[in-house]
Amino acid sequence: MDNYYMSTTTAIKFREKIVFCCGTIQSNRKLLLPKSVPLTATDVRWLGRGHSVCAVNRDNNLLAIGWLENKPVNFNSTLDTTKVVNIMRRIRNLKVLIPAPQTVARYNRFLGGVDKHNKLRSKFSLGE
């Protein structure tokens, strides 16, 4: 899910119905992320690209992640673990491996599935 639809309460409700999800989340919404997770733009300078912070809510099996790429990105997941993998990024003309949580790799892998579905559905509307 993208940050428009994703929230902590949505992830918990899906998890109760045994539907797993992961997605980006906005850091400026109230009560959505633990205070230790959201990273700021100044953290990119000091901590560097690829740094991540995780918090786990064991009661709801919910994982909150703050990750630094060019800008800070926040994720919620009921699907993944805190495992760190390397992902390929292009910096100018070089391909570089950057450490990232497994959630980031999975999110990027399936990114755009909903957009593709909506595009195909708009071409073949059955309701009209």
C-alpha atoms as a PDB file:
ATOM      1  CA  MET A   1       0.000   0.000   0.000  1.00  0.00           C
ATOM      2  CA  ASP A   2       1.125   3.544  -0.532  1.00  0.00           C
ATOM      3  CA  ASN A   3       1.108   6.221   2.152  1.00  0.00           C
ATOM      4  CA  TYR A   4      -2.382   7.455   1.217  1.00  0.00           C
ATOM      5  CA  TYR A   5      -4.072   4.199   2.253  1.00  0.00           C
ATOM      6  CA  MET A   6      -1.633   2.786   4.799  1.00  0.00           C
ATOM      7  CA  SER A   7      -2.089   3.379   8.499  1.00  0.00           C
ATOM      8  CA  THR A   8      -1.339   1.466  11.665  1.00  0.00           C
ATOM      9  CA  THR A   9      -5.012   0.838  12.330  1.00  0.00           C
ATOM     10  CA  THR A  10      -5.543  -0.463   8.784  1.00  0.00           C
ATOM     11  CA  ALA A  11      -2.626  -2.870   9.114  1.00  0.00           C
ATOM     12  CA  ILE A  12      -3.935  -4.151  12.459  1.00  0.00           C
ATOM     13  CA  LYS A  13      -7.468  -4.658  11.075  1.00  0.00           C
ATOM     14  CA  PHE A  14      -6.085  -6.566   8.074  1.00  0.00           C
ATOM     15  CA  ARG A  15      -3.910  -8.691  10.369  1.00  0.00           C
ATOM     16  CA  GLU A  16      -6.981  -9.626  12.452  1.00  0.00           C
ATOM     17  CA  LYS A  17      -8.563 -10.967   9.250  1.00  0.00           C
ATOM     18  CA  ILE A  18      -5.318 -12.838   8.410  1.00  0.00           C
ATOM     19  CA  VAL A  19      -4.448 -10.505   5.526  1.00  0.00           C
ATOM     20  CA  PHE A  20      -0.803  -9.449   5.577  1.00  0.00           C
ATOM     21  CA  CYS A  21       0.283  -6.057   4.248  1.00  0.00           C
ATOM     22  CA  CYS A  22       3.208  -3.684   4.008  1.00  0.00           C
ATOM     23  CA  GLY A  23       3.499  -0.147   2.779  1.00  0.00           C
ATOM     24  CA  THR A  24       4.864   3.330   3.198  1.00  0.00           C
ATOM     25  CA  ILE A  25       3.335   5.584   5.806  1.00  0.00           C
ATOM     26  CA  GLN A  26       3.411   9.324   6.419  1.00  0.00           C
ATOM     27  CA  SER A  27       5.366  10.328   9.497  1.00  0.00           C
ATOM     28  CA  ASN A  28       3.310  13.444  10.248  1.00  0.00           C
ATOM     29  CA  ARG A  29       0.065  11.634  11.113  1.00  0.00           C
ATOM     30  CA  LYS A  30      -0.845  11.270  14.768  1.00  0.00           C
ATOM     31  CA  LEU A  31      -0.471   7.966  16.616  1.00  0.00           C
ATOM     32  CA  LEU A  32       0.846   6.064  13.609  1.00  0.00           C
ATOM     33  CA  LEU A  33       4.511   5.454  14.343  1.00  0.00           C
ATOM     34  CA  PRO A  34       6.525   5.129  17.536  1.00  0.00           C
ATOM     35  CA  LYS A  35       8.458   8.324  18.237  1.00  0.00           C
ATOM     36  CA  SER A  36      11.805   6.562  17.792  1.00  0.00           C
ATOM     37  CA  VAL A  37      11.132   5.403  14.224  1.00  0.00           C
ATOM     38  CA  PRO A  38      10.599   8.461  11.978  1.00  0.00           C
ATOM     39  CA  LEU A  39      13.920   9.811  10.740  1.00  0.00           C
ATOM     40  CA  THR A  40      14.439  13.397   9.616  1.00  0.00           C
ATOM     41  CA  ALA A  41      16.107  14.955   6.594  1.00  0.00           C
ATOM     42  CA  THR A  42      19.104  15.991   8.714  1.00  0.00           C
ATOM     43  CA  ASP A  43      19.635  12.341   9.689  1.00  0.00           C
ATOM     44  CA  VAL A  44      20.542  11.604   6.062  1.00  0.00           C
ATOM     45  CA  ARG A  45      23.648  13.781   6.387  1.00  0.00           C
ATOM     46  CA  TRP A  46      24.796  12.319   9.689  1.00  0.00           C
ATOM     47  CA  LEU A  47      23.765   8.674   9.485  1.00  0.00           C
ATOM     48  CA  GLY A  48      24.098   8.095   5.753  1.00  0.00           C
ATOM     49  CA  ARG A  49      22.161   6.256   3.114  1.00  0.00           C
ATOM     50  CA  GLY A  50      20.925   2.801   4.091  1.00  0.00           C
ATOM     51  CA  HIS A  51      20.567   3.418   7.837  1.00  0.00           C
ATOM     52  CA  SER A  52      17.367   2.002   9.344  1.00  0.00           C
ATOM     53  CA  VAL A  53      15.512   1.989  12.657  1.00  0.00           C
ATOM     54  CA  CYS A  54      12.921  -0.679  13.555  1.00  0.00           C
ATOM     55  CA  ALA A  55      10.255  -1.024  16.236  1.00  0.00           C
ATOM     56  CA  VAL A  56       8.158  -4.149  16.780  1.00  0.00           C
ATOM     57  CA  ASN A  57       4.692  -4.332  18.328  1.00  0.00           C
ATOM     58  CA  ARG A  58       4.452  -7.962  19.406  1.00  0.00           C
ATOM     59  CA  ASP A  59       0.802  -7.692  20.462  1.00  0.00           C
ATOM     60  CA  ASN A  60      -0.331  -6.908  16.899  1.00  0.00           C
ATOM     61  CA  ASN A  61       2.622  -8.444  14.991  1.00  0.00           C
ATOM     62  CA  LEU A  62       3.336  -5.039  13.488  1.00  0.00           C
ATOM     63  CA  LEU A  63       6.735  -3.791  12.352  1.00  0.00           C
ATOM     64  CA  ALA A  64       7.472  -0.053  11.999  1.00  0.00           C
ATOM     65  CA  ILE A  65      10.584   0.918  10.037  1.00  0.00           C
ATOM     66  CA  GLY A  66      12.329   4.209   9.346  1.00  0.00           C
ATOM     67  CA  TRP A  67      14.864   3.955   6.494  1.00  0.00           C
ATOM     68  CA  LEU A  68      17.174   6.541   4.941  1.00  0.00           C
ATOM     69  CA  GLU A  69      17.612   6.636   1.198  1.00  0.00           C
ATOM     70  CA  ASN A  70      17.823  10.076  -0.433  1.00  0.00           C
ATOM     71  CA  LYS A  71      15.021  11.094   1.913  1.00  0.00           C
ATOM     72  CA  PRO A  72      13.645   9.337   4.977  1.00  0.00           C
ATOM     73  CA  VAL A  73      10.994   6.702   4.204  1.00  0.00           C
ATOM     74  CA  ASN A  74       8.722   5.081   6.787  1.00  0.00           C
ATOM     75  CA  PHE A  75       7.113   1.653   6.491  1.00  0.00           C
ATOM     76  CA  ASN A  76       4.584  -0.443   8.390  1.00  0.00           C
ATOM     77  CA  SER A  77       4.436  -4.181   7.837  1.00  0.00           C
ATOM     78  CA  THR A  78       2.601  -7.203   9.214  1.00  0.00           C
ATOM     79  CA  LEU A  79       4.389  -9.426   6.719  1.00  0.00           C
ATOM     80  CA  ASP A  80       8.150  -9.128   7.174  1.00  0.00           C
ATOM     81  CA  THR A  81      10.905  -9.492   9.733  1.00  0.00           C
ATOM     82  CA  THR A  82      13.692  -7.149  10.799  1.00  0.00           C
ATOM     83  CA  LYS A  83      16.122  -8.922   8.450  1.00  0.00           C
ATOM     84  CA  VAL A  84      18.428  -6.601   6.475  1.00  0.00           C
ATOM     85  CA  VAL A  85      19.184  -7.324   2.808  1.00  0.00           C
ATOM     86  CA  ASN A  86      21.203  -5.468   0.156  1.00  0.00           C
ATOM     87  CA  ILE A  87      19.386  -3.730  -2.680  1.00  0.00           C
ATOM     88  CA  MET A  88      20.817  -2.232  -5.855  1.00  0.00           C
ATOM     89  CA  ARG A  89      20.656   1.537  -6.283  1.00  0.00           C
ATOM     90  CA  ARG A  90      22.162   3.765  -8.930  1.00  0.00           C
ATOM     91  CA  ILE A  91      24.245   6.701  -7.722  1.00  0.00           C
ATOM     92  CA  ARG A  92      25.140   8.781 -10.748  1.00  0.00           C
ATOM     93  CA  ASN A  93      26.569   6.173 -13.143  1.00  0.00           C
ATOM     94  CA  LEU A  94      27.533   3.609 -10.511  1.00  0.00           C
ATOM     95  CA  LYS A  95      25.461   0.705  -9.236  1.00  0.00           C
ATOM     96  CA  VAL A  96      25.823   0.405  -5.474  1.00  0.00           C
ATOM     97  CA  LEU A  97      24.522  -2.132  -2.954  1.00  0.00           C
ATOM     98  CA  ILE A  98      22.757  -0.419  -0.051  1.00  0.00           C
ATOM     99  CA  PRO A  99      21.567  -2.174   3.113  1.00  0.00           C
ATOM    100  CA  ALA A 100      17.793  -2.092   3.508  1.00  0.00           C
ATOM    101  CA  PRO A 101      15.189  -3.890   5.581  1.00  0.00           C
ATOM    102  CA  GLN A 102      13.476  -6.846   3.900  1.00  0.00           C
ATOM    103  CA  THR A 103      10.255  -4.798   3.856  1.00  0.00           C
ATOM    104  CA  VAL A 104      11.820  -2.275   1.459  1.00  0.00           C
ATOM    105  CA  ALA A 105      12.931  -4.980  -0.983  1.00  0.00           C
ATOM    106  CA  ARG A 106       9.483  -6.622  -0.923  1.00  0.00           C
ATOM    107  CA  TYR A 107       7.672  -3.290  -1.300  1.00  0.00           C
ATOM    108  CA  ASN A 108       9.795  -2.333  -4.322  1.00  0.00           C
ATOM    109  CA  ARG A 109       9.314  -5.769  -5.872  1.00  0.00           C
ATOM    110  CA  PHE A 110       5.511  -5.554  -5.848  1.00  0.00           C
ATOM    111  CA  LEU A 111       5.214  -1.797  -6.300  1.00  0.00           C
ATOM    112  CA  GLY A 112       2.782  -0.811  -9.014  1.00  0.00           C
ATOM    113  CA  GLY A 113       0.561  -3.898  -8.902  1.00  0.00           C
ATOM    114  CA  VAL A 114      -2.479  -1.857  -7.905  1.00  0.00           C
ATOM    115  CA  ASP A 115      -1.660   0.767 -10.528  1.00  0.00           C
ATOM    116  CA  LYS A 116      -1.476  -1.908 -13.235  1.00  0.00           C
ATOM    117  CA  HIS A 117      -4.776  -3.379 -12.079  1.00  0.00           C
ATOM    118  CA  ASN A 118      -6.502   0.027 -12.186  1.00  0.00           C
ATOM    119  CA  LYS A 119      -5.100   0.735 -15.648  1.00  0.00           C
ATOM    120  CA  LEU A 120      -6.387  -2.555 -17.041  1.00  0.00           C
ATOM    121  CA  ARG A 121      -9.729  -2.169 -15.286  1.00  0.00           C
ATOM    122  CA  SER A 122     -10.300   1.299 -16.764  1.00  0.00           C
ATOM    123  CA  LYS A 123     -10.000  -0.064 -20.294  1.00  0.00           C
ATOM    124  CA  PHE A 124     -12.643  -2.748 -19.781  1.00  0.00           C
ATOM    125  CA  SER A 125     -15.353  -1.188 -17.667  1.00  0.00           C
ATOM    126  CA  LEU A 126     -18.312  -3.510 -17.114  1.00  0.00           C
ATOM    127  CA  GLY A 127     -20.433  -1.091 -15.069  1.00  0.00           C
ATOM    128  CA  GLU A 128     -21.327   1.253 -17.931  1.00  0.00           C
END
